[in-house]
């Protein structure tokens, strides 16, 4: 799950998240005044090629473009790697 500010969290590590898990994640975003997307990350944020993000579904009505949040996320990953 990708938030509008570029933060991300993994859902459904060994399988796709259930609709209930996605609904709970969306409720948690709303409760914090946030929004975002269910997204797929291709690659590993810690090693190897810089990951790419693909939008699956908006959550809690984001007002920021997915591309902007994705770019913010990738910048943070690069910074954490010292790249």
N, C-alpha and C. Protein backbone atom coordinates (compact mmCIF):
# COMPACT_ATOMS: atom_id res chain seq x y z
N UNK A 1 0.85 -1.15 0.00
CA UNK A 1 0.00 0.00 0.00
C UNK A 1 0.90 1.23 0.00
N UNK A 2 0.62 2.16 -0.87
CA UNK A 2 1.39 3.40 -1.00
C UNK A 2 0.52 4.57 -0.54
N UNK A 3 1.05 5.37 0.38
CA UNK A 3 0.33 6.57 0.85
C UNK A 3 0.68 7.75 -0.06
N UNK A 4 -0.14 8.77 -0.02
CA UNK A 4 0.07 9.94 -0.88
C UNK A 4 1.39 10.64 -0.59
N UNK A 5 1.94 10.46 0.62
CA UNK A 5 3.21 11.10 0.96
C UNK A 5 4.43 10.24 0.63
N UNK A 6 4.21 9.10 -0.04
CA UNK A 6 5.31 8.25 -0.47
C UNK A 6 5.66 7.12 0.47
N UNK A 7 5.08 7.09 1.65
CA UNK A 7 5.33 5.97 2.56
C UNK A 7 4.62 4.73 2.03
N UNK A 8 5.16 3.57 2.36
CA UNK A 8 4.52 2.34 1.91
C UNK A 8 4.55 1.30 3.03
N UNK A 9 3.66 0.34 2.91
CA UNK A 9 3.60 -0.79 3.83
C UNK A 9 3.19 -2.00 3.00
N UNK A 10 3.70 -3.16 3.40
CA UNK A 10 3.41 -4.39 2.68
C UNK A 10 2.16 -5.06 3.24
N UNK A 11 1.29 -5.45 2.35
CA UNK A 11 0.11 -6.24 2.71
C UNK A 11 0.19 -7.57 1.96
N UNK A 12 -0.29 -8.63 2.56
CA UNK A 12 -0.38 -9.91 1.85
C UNK A 12 0.96 -10.41 1.33
N UNK A 13 1.95 -10.46 2.17
CA UNK A 13 3.31 -10.83 1.73
C UNK A 13 3.39 -12.12 0.95
N UNK A 14 2.77 -13.19 1.43
CA UNK A 14 2.87 -14.49 0.76
C UNK A 14 1.72 -14.74 -0.21
N UNK A 15 0.75 -13.84 -0.22
CA UNK A 15 -0.39 -13.98 -1.13
C UNK A 15 -1.02 -12.60 -1.29
N UNK A 16 -1.92 -12.49 -2.22
CA UNK A 16 -2.62 -11.22 -2.39
C UNK A 16 -3.43 -10.94 -1.12
N UNK A 17 -3.54 -9.66 -0.72
CA UNK A 17 -4.35 -9.36 0.47
C UNK A 17 -5.82 -9.62 0.18
N UNK A 18 -6.54 -10.02 1.21
CA UNK A 18 -7.98 -10.24 1.06
C UNK A 18 -8.69 -8.90 0.96
N UNK A 19 -9.91 -8.92 0.49
CA UNK A 19 -10.72 -7.69 0.44
C UNK A 19 -10.89 -7.10 1.83
N UNK A 20 -11.00 -7.96 2.83
CA UNK A 20 -11.14 -7.48 4.21
C UNK A 20 -9.86 -6.76 4.67
N UNK A 21 -8.70 -7.31 4.34
CA UNK A 21 -7.43 -6.65 4.69
C UNK A 21 -7.32 -5.29 4.01
N UNK A 22 -7.71 -5.23 2.75
CA UNK A 22 -7.65 -3.96 2.00
C UNK A 22 -8.61 -2.96 2.62
N UNK A 23 -9.80 -3.40 2.98
CA UNK A 23 -10.80 -2.52 3.61
C UNK A 23 -10.28 -1.99 4.95
N UNK A 24 -9.65 -2.85 5.75
CA UNK A 24 -9.08 -2.40 7.03
C UNK A 24 -7.95 -1.40 6.81
N UNK A 25 -7.13 -1.65 5.81
CA UNK A 25 -6.03 -0.72 5.50
C UNK A 25 -6.59 0.63 5.07
N UNK A 26 -7.64 0.62 4.25
CA UNK A 26 -8.26 1.87 3.81
C UNK A 26 -8.86 2.61 5.00
N UNK A 27 -9.51 1.89 5.89
CA UNK A 27 -10.07 2.51 7.10
C UNK A 27 -8.97 3.13 7.95
N UNK A 28 -7.83 2.44 8.06
CA UNK A 28 -6.71 2.96 8.85
C UNK A 28 -6.15 4.23 8.22
N UNK A 29 -6.06 4.28 6.89
CA UNK A 29 -5.62 5.50 6.22
C UNK A 29 -6.57 6.66 6.55
N UNK A 30 -7.85 6.42 6.37
CA UNK A 30 -8.85 7.46 6.63
C UNK A 30 -8.77 7.96 8.07
N UNK A 31 -8.60 7.04 9.02
CA UNK A 31 -8.55 7.39 10.44
C UNK A 31 -7.37 8.32 10.73
N UNK A 32 -6.33 8.24 9.91
CA UNK A 32 -5.15 9.09 10.09
C UNK A 32 -5.17 10.31 9.18
N UNK A 33 -6.29 10.50 8.47
CA UNK A 33 -6.40 11.63 7.55
C UNK A 33 -5.55 11.46 6.31
N UNK A 34 -5.28 10.21 5.95
CA UNK A 34 -4.45 9.91 4.78
C UNK A 34 -5.26 9.21 3.70
N UNK A 35 -4.64 9.07 2.55
CA UNK A 35 -5.20 8.32 1.44
C UNK A 35 -4.03 7.67 0.71
N UNK A 36 -4.33 6.84 -0.26
CA UNK A 36 -3.26 6.20 -1.01
C UNK A 36 -3.81 5.21 -2.02
N UNK A 37 -3.01 4.18 -2.26
CA UNK A 37 -3.37 3.18 -3.27
C UNK A 37 -2.92 1.80 -2.83
N UNK A 38 -3.69 0.83 -3.25
CA UNK A 38 -3.19 -0.53 -3.24
C UNK A 38 -2.29 -0.58 -4.47
N UNK A 39 -1.06 -1.00 -4.30
CA UNK A 39 -0.09 -0.98 -5.39
C UNK A 39 0.76 -2.24 -5.34
N UNK A 40 1.41 -2.53 -6.44
CA UNK A 40 2.34 -3.64 -6.53
C UNK A 40 3.73 -3.04 -6.68
N UNK A 41 4.67 -3.53 -5.85
CA UNK A 41 6.05 -3.09 -5.96
C UNK A 41 6.83 -4.20 -6.67
N UNK A 42 7.42 -3.83 -7.78
CA UNK A 42 8.27 -4.78 -8.51
C UNK A 42 9.70 -4.53 -8.08
N UNK A 43 10.30 -5.51 -7.43
CA UNK A 43 11.66 -5.36 -6.95
C UNK A 43 11.70 -5.27 -5.44
N UNK A 44 12.90 -5.13 -4.92
CA UNK A 44 13.14 -5.10 -3.49
C UNK A 44 13.59 -3.69 -3.10
N UNK A 45 12.97 -3.09 -2.09
CA UNK A 45 13.36 -1.73 -1.72
C UNK A 45 14.73 -1.65 -1.06
N UNK A 46 15.31 -2.79 -0.70
CA UNK A 46 16.57 -2.78 0.03
C UNK A 46 17.80 -3.14 -0.81
N UNK A 47 17.63 -3.98 -1.82
CA UNK A 47 18.76 -4.40 -2.64
C UNK A 47 18.35 -4.54 -4.10
N UNK A 48 19.33 -4.57 -4.98
CA UNK A 48 19.06 -4.77 -6.40
C UNK A 48 18.60 -3.50 -7.09
N UNK A 49 17.96 -3.69 -8.22
CA UNK A 49 17.46 -2.56 -9.00
C UNK A 49 16.44 -1.76 -8.18
N UNK A 50 16.38 -0.48 -8.42
CA UNK A 50 15.39 0.36 -7.73
C UNK A 50 14.00 -0.13 -8.13
N UNK A 51 13.13 -0.37 -7.16
CA UNK A 51 11.81 -0.92 -7.46
C UNK A 51 10.93 0.04 -8.26
N UNK A 52 9.96 -0.54 -8.92
CA UNK A 52 8.93 0.21 -9.64
C UNK A 52 7.60 -0.09 -8.98
N UNK A 53 6.70 0.88 -9.02
CA UNK A 53 5.38 0.72 -8.42
C UNK A 53 4.30 0.78 -9.49
N UNK A 54 3.30 -0.08 -9.34
CA UNK A 54 2.17 -0.12 -10.26
C UNK A 54 0.88 0.04 -9.46
N UNK A 55 0.07 0.99 -9.87
CA UNK A 55 -1.21 1.26 -9.19
C UNK A 55 -2.19 0.12 -9.45
N UNK A 56 -2.86 -0.31 -8.38
CA UNK A 56 -3.90 -1.32 -8.51
C UNK A 56 -5.27 -0.71 -8.24
N UNK A 57 -5.37 0.04 -7.11
CA UNK A 57 -6.69 0.55 -6.70
C UNK A 57 -6.50 1.72 -5.75
N UNK A 58 -7.20 2.84 -5.98
CA UNK A 58 -7.13 3.96 -5.03
C UNK A 58 -7.82 3.59 -3.72
N UNK A 59 -7.28 4.14 -2.62
CA UNK A 59 -7.85 3.91 -1.29
C UNK A 59 -8.09 5.25 -0.60
N UNK A 60 -9.26 5.45 -0.06
CA UNK A 60 -9.61 6.64 0.72
C UNK A 60 -9.50 7.93 -0.11
N UNK A 61 -9.79 7.85 -1.38
CA UNK A 61 -9.90 9.01 -2.27
C UNK A 61 -8.68 9.92 -2.28
N UNK A 62 -7.55 9.44 -2.79
CA UNK A 62 -6.35 10.29 -2.84
C UNK A 62 -6.55 11.51 -3.72
N UNK A 63 -5.95 12.63 -3.32
CA UNK A 63 -6.03 13.87 -4.10
C UNK A 63 -4.70 14.18 -4.77
N UNK A 64 -3.73 13.31 -4.58
CA UNK A 64 -2.40 13.44 -5.18
C UNK A 64 -2.31 12.42 -6.31
N UNK A 65 -1.59 12.73 -7.37
CA UNK A 65 -1.42 11.78 -8.46
C UNK A 65 -0.55 10.60 -8.00
N UNK A 66 -0.93 9.41 -8.42
CA UNK A 66 -0.16 8.21 -8.08
C UNK A 66 1.30 8.38 -8.49
N UNK A 67 1.54 8.94 -9.65
CA UNK A 67 2.90 9.11 -10.16
C UNK A 67 3.74 9.97 -9.21
N UNK A 68 3.12 10.99 -8.63
CA UNK A 68 3.85 11.86 -7.69
C UNK A 68 4.20 11.11 -6.40
N UNK A 69 3.24 10.37 -5.87
CA UNK A 69 3.50 9.59 -4.65
C UNK A 69 4.53 8.51 -4.92
N UNK A 70 4.44 7.87 -6.07
CA UNK A 70 5.40 6.84 -6.45
C UNK A 70 6.81 7.41 -6.57
N UNK A 71 6.93 8.56 -7.19
CA UNK A 71 8.24 9.21 -7.32
C UNK A 71 8.81 9.59 -5.96
N UNK A 72 7.97 10.05 -5.05
CA UNK A 72 8.41 10.37 -3.69
C UNK A 72 8.91 9.12 -2.99
N UNK A 73 8.20 8.03 -3.15
CA UNK A 73 8.59 6.76 -2.55
C UNK A 73 9.95 6.30 -3.09
N UNK A 74 10.13 6.36 -4.39
CA UNK A 74 11.39 5.93 -5.01
C UNK A 74 12.54 6.82 -4.55
N UNK A 75 12.30 8.12 -4.44
CA UNK A 75 13.35 9.03 -3.93
C UNK A 75 13.77 8.64 -2.51
N UNK A 76 12.79 8.29 -1.68
CA UNK A 76 13.10 7.88 -0.30
C UNK A 76 13.88 6.57 -0.29
N UNK A 77 13.54 5.64 -1.15
CA UNK A 77 14.27 4.38 -1.23
C UNK A 77 15.71 4.65 -1.66
N UNK A 78 15.87 5.50 -2.67
CA UNK A 78 17.22 5.86 -3.13
C UNK A 78 18.02 6.51 -2.00
N UNK A 79 17.40 7.41 -1.27
CA UNK A 79 18.08 8.11 -0.17
C UNK A 79 18.49 7.12 0.92
N UNK A 80 17.62 6.18 1.24
CA UNK A 80 17.94 5.18 2.26
C UNK A 80 19.09 4.28 1.82
N UNK A 81 19.22 4.08 0.53
CA UNK A 81 20.31 3.27 -0.01
C UNK A 81 21.58 4.09 -0.22
N UNK A 82 21.45 5.39 -0.12
CA UNK A 82 22.61 6.26 -0.37
C UNK A 82 22.93 6.40 -1.84
N UNK A 83 21.91 6.23 -2.69
CA UNK A 83 22.08 6.33 -4.15
C UNK A 83 21.69 7.71 -4.63
